[in-house]
């Protein structure tokens, strides 16, 4: 089995639903907001996260924010982090995971 997977399944919103709720998402998840969630997709560039309490949002934790020598969280992993950016062109909330921050300190 390939270690990488795109977000899939009945719990993953369609792109048009994420797009329709974008204004509410950025209002609810301000930069600096703390999030918890579950890894629902994994790619070489980062992990996609379903944010608890924000069912219409998709978060991405990119490897550019990951300390060298660390591994991406696995599918289904529970993660915590902080919102550091909103990317309007693809309606993603960018987060930096706590485990990555702790490794930098």
Protein backbone atom coordinates (compact mmCIF):
# COMPACT_ATOMS: atom_id res chain seq x y z
CA UNK A 1 0.00 0.00 0.00
CA UNK A 2 1.24 3.49 -0.86
CA UNK A 3 1.98 5.61 2.21
CA UNK A 4 0.34 8.63 0.58
CA UNK A 5 -3.40 9.20 0.20
CA UNK A 6 -5.65 12.07 -0.86
CA UNK A 7 -8.53 12.99 1.46
CA UNK A 8 -11.39 10.63 0.64
CA UNK A 9 -14.53 9.16 2.09
CA UNK A 10 -18.03 10.28 2.96
CA UNK A 11 -16.80 12.62 5.72
CA UNK A 12 -14.67 14.68 3.29
CA UNK A 13 -16.50 17.69 1.87
CA UNK A 14 -16.73 18.38 -1.83
CA UNK A 15 -14.66 21.32 -3.07
CA UNK A 16 -17.75 23.42 -3.78
CA UNK A 17 -18.90 23.04 -0.16
CA UNK A 18 -15.51 24.16 1.14
CA UNK A 19 -15.59 27.12 -1.27
CA UNK A 20 -19.13 28.18 -0.22
CA UNK A 21 -18.16 28.22 3.44
CA UNK A 22 -14.81 29.99 2.97
CA UNK A 23 -15.91 33.36 4.44
CA UNK A 24 -17.27 31.64 7.56
CA UNK A 25 -14.13 29.50 7.82
CA UNK A 26 -11.70 32.43 7.87
CA UNK A 27 -13.95 34.31 10.31
CA UNK A 28 -13.99 31.33 12.69
CA UNK A 29 -10.34 30.31 12.30
CA UNK A 30 -8.35 33.51 12.62
CA UNK A 31 -4.58 33.50 12.29
CA UNK A 32 -3.28 32.43 15.69
CA UNK A 33 -6.30 30.21 16.43
CA UNK A 34 -5.57 26.85 18.03
CA UNK A 35 -6.93 23.78 16.25
CA UNK A 36 -7.22 20.06 16.82
CA UNK A 37 -8.09 17.57 14.16
CA UNK A 38 -7.54 14.30 12.36
CA UNK A 39 -5.19 13.65 9.44
CA UNK A 40 -7.44 12.70 6.50
CA UNK A 41 -4.91 12.88 3.66
CA UNK A 42 -1.17 12.54 3.31
CA UNK A 43 1.04 13.69 0.44
CA UNK A 44 4.80 14.26 0.07
CA UNK A 45 4.20 18.01 0.57
CA UNK A 46 2.15 17.74 3.80
CA UNK A 47 -0.98 16.46 5.51
CA UNK A 48 -4.63 17.43 5.15
CA UNK A 49 -6.56 17.81 8.39
CA UNK A 50 -10.26 17.73 9.23
CA UNK A 51 -10.54 20.38 11.94
CA UNK A 52 -12.67 19.49 14.95
CA UNK A 53 -15.45 22.05 15.37
CA UNK A 54 -15.05 23.36 11.82
CA UNK A 55 -16.62 20.69 9.59
CA UNK A 56 -16.56 22.86 6.46
CA UNK A 57 -12.84 23.61 6.66
CA UNK A 58 -9.79 21.84 5.26
CA UNK A 59 -6.41 22.46 6.83
CA UNK A 60 -3.00 21.75 5.38
CA UNK A 61 0.21 21.36 7.36
CA UNK A 62 3.01 21.66 4.79
CA UNK A 63 6.46 20.16 5.09
CA UNK A 64 7.92 23.65 4.73
CA UNK A 65 6.86 24.15 8.37
CA UNK A 66 8.20 20.73 9.48
CA UNK A 67 11.62 20.54 11.15
CA UNK A 68 14.23 18.52 9.31
CA UNK A 69 14.37 14.87 10.35
CA UNK A 70 10.72 14.59 11.39
CA UNK A 71 8.09 12.44 9.71
CA UNK A 72 4.62 13.41 8.54
CA UNK A 73 1.80 12.25 10.82
CA UNK A 74 0.05 9.09 9.63
CA UNK A 75 -3.51 8.88 8.32
CA UNK A 76 -5.96 8.97 11.21
CA UNK A 77 -3.49 10.64 13.58
CA UNK A 78 -4.89 13.19 16.04
CA UNK A 79 -2.96 16.48 15.77
CA UNK A 80 -2.92 19.94 17.33
CA UNK A 81 -1.60 23.15 15.91
CA UNK A 82 -2.01 26.82 15.16
CA UNK A 83 -3.47 28.60 12.14
CA UNK A 84 -0.78 30.71 10.49
CA UNK A 85 -2.32 31.58 7.10
CA UNK A 86 -5.42 31.41 4.89
CA UNK A 87 -4.95 30.48 1.23
CA UNK A 88 -7.91 31.87 -0.71
CA UNK A 89 -7.14 30.38 -4.13
CA UNK A 90 -7.65 26.81 -2.88
CA UNK A 91 -9.65 27.55 0.28
CA UNK A 92 -7.17 26.03 2.72
CA UNK A 93 -6.32 26.92 6.28
CA UNK A 94 -2.58 26.51 6.77
CA UNK A 95 -1.44 25.23 10.15
CA UNK A 96 1.81 24.52 11.94
CA UNK A 97 1.60 21.44 14.09
CA UNK A 98 2.55 21.58 17.78
CA UNK A 99 4.85 18.56 17.44
CA UNK A 100 6.82 20.47 14.81
CA UNK A 101 7.06 23.58 16.97
CA UNK A 102 8.24 21.55 19.99
CA UNK A 103 11.01 19.97 17.88
CA UNK A 104 12.28 23.46 16.90
CA UNK A 105 12.57 24.63 20.53
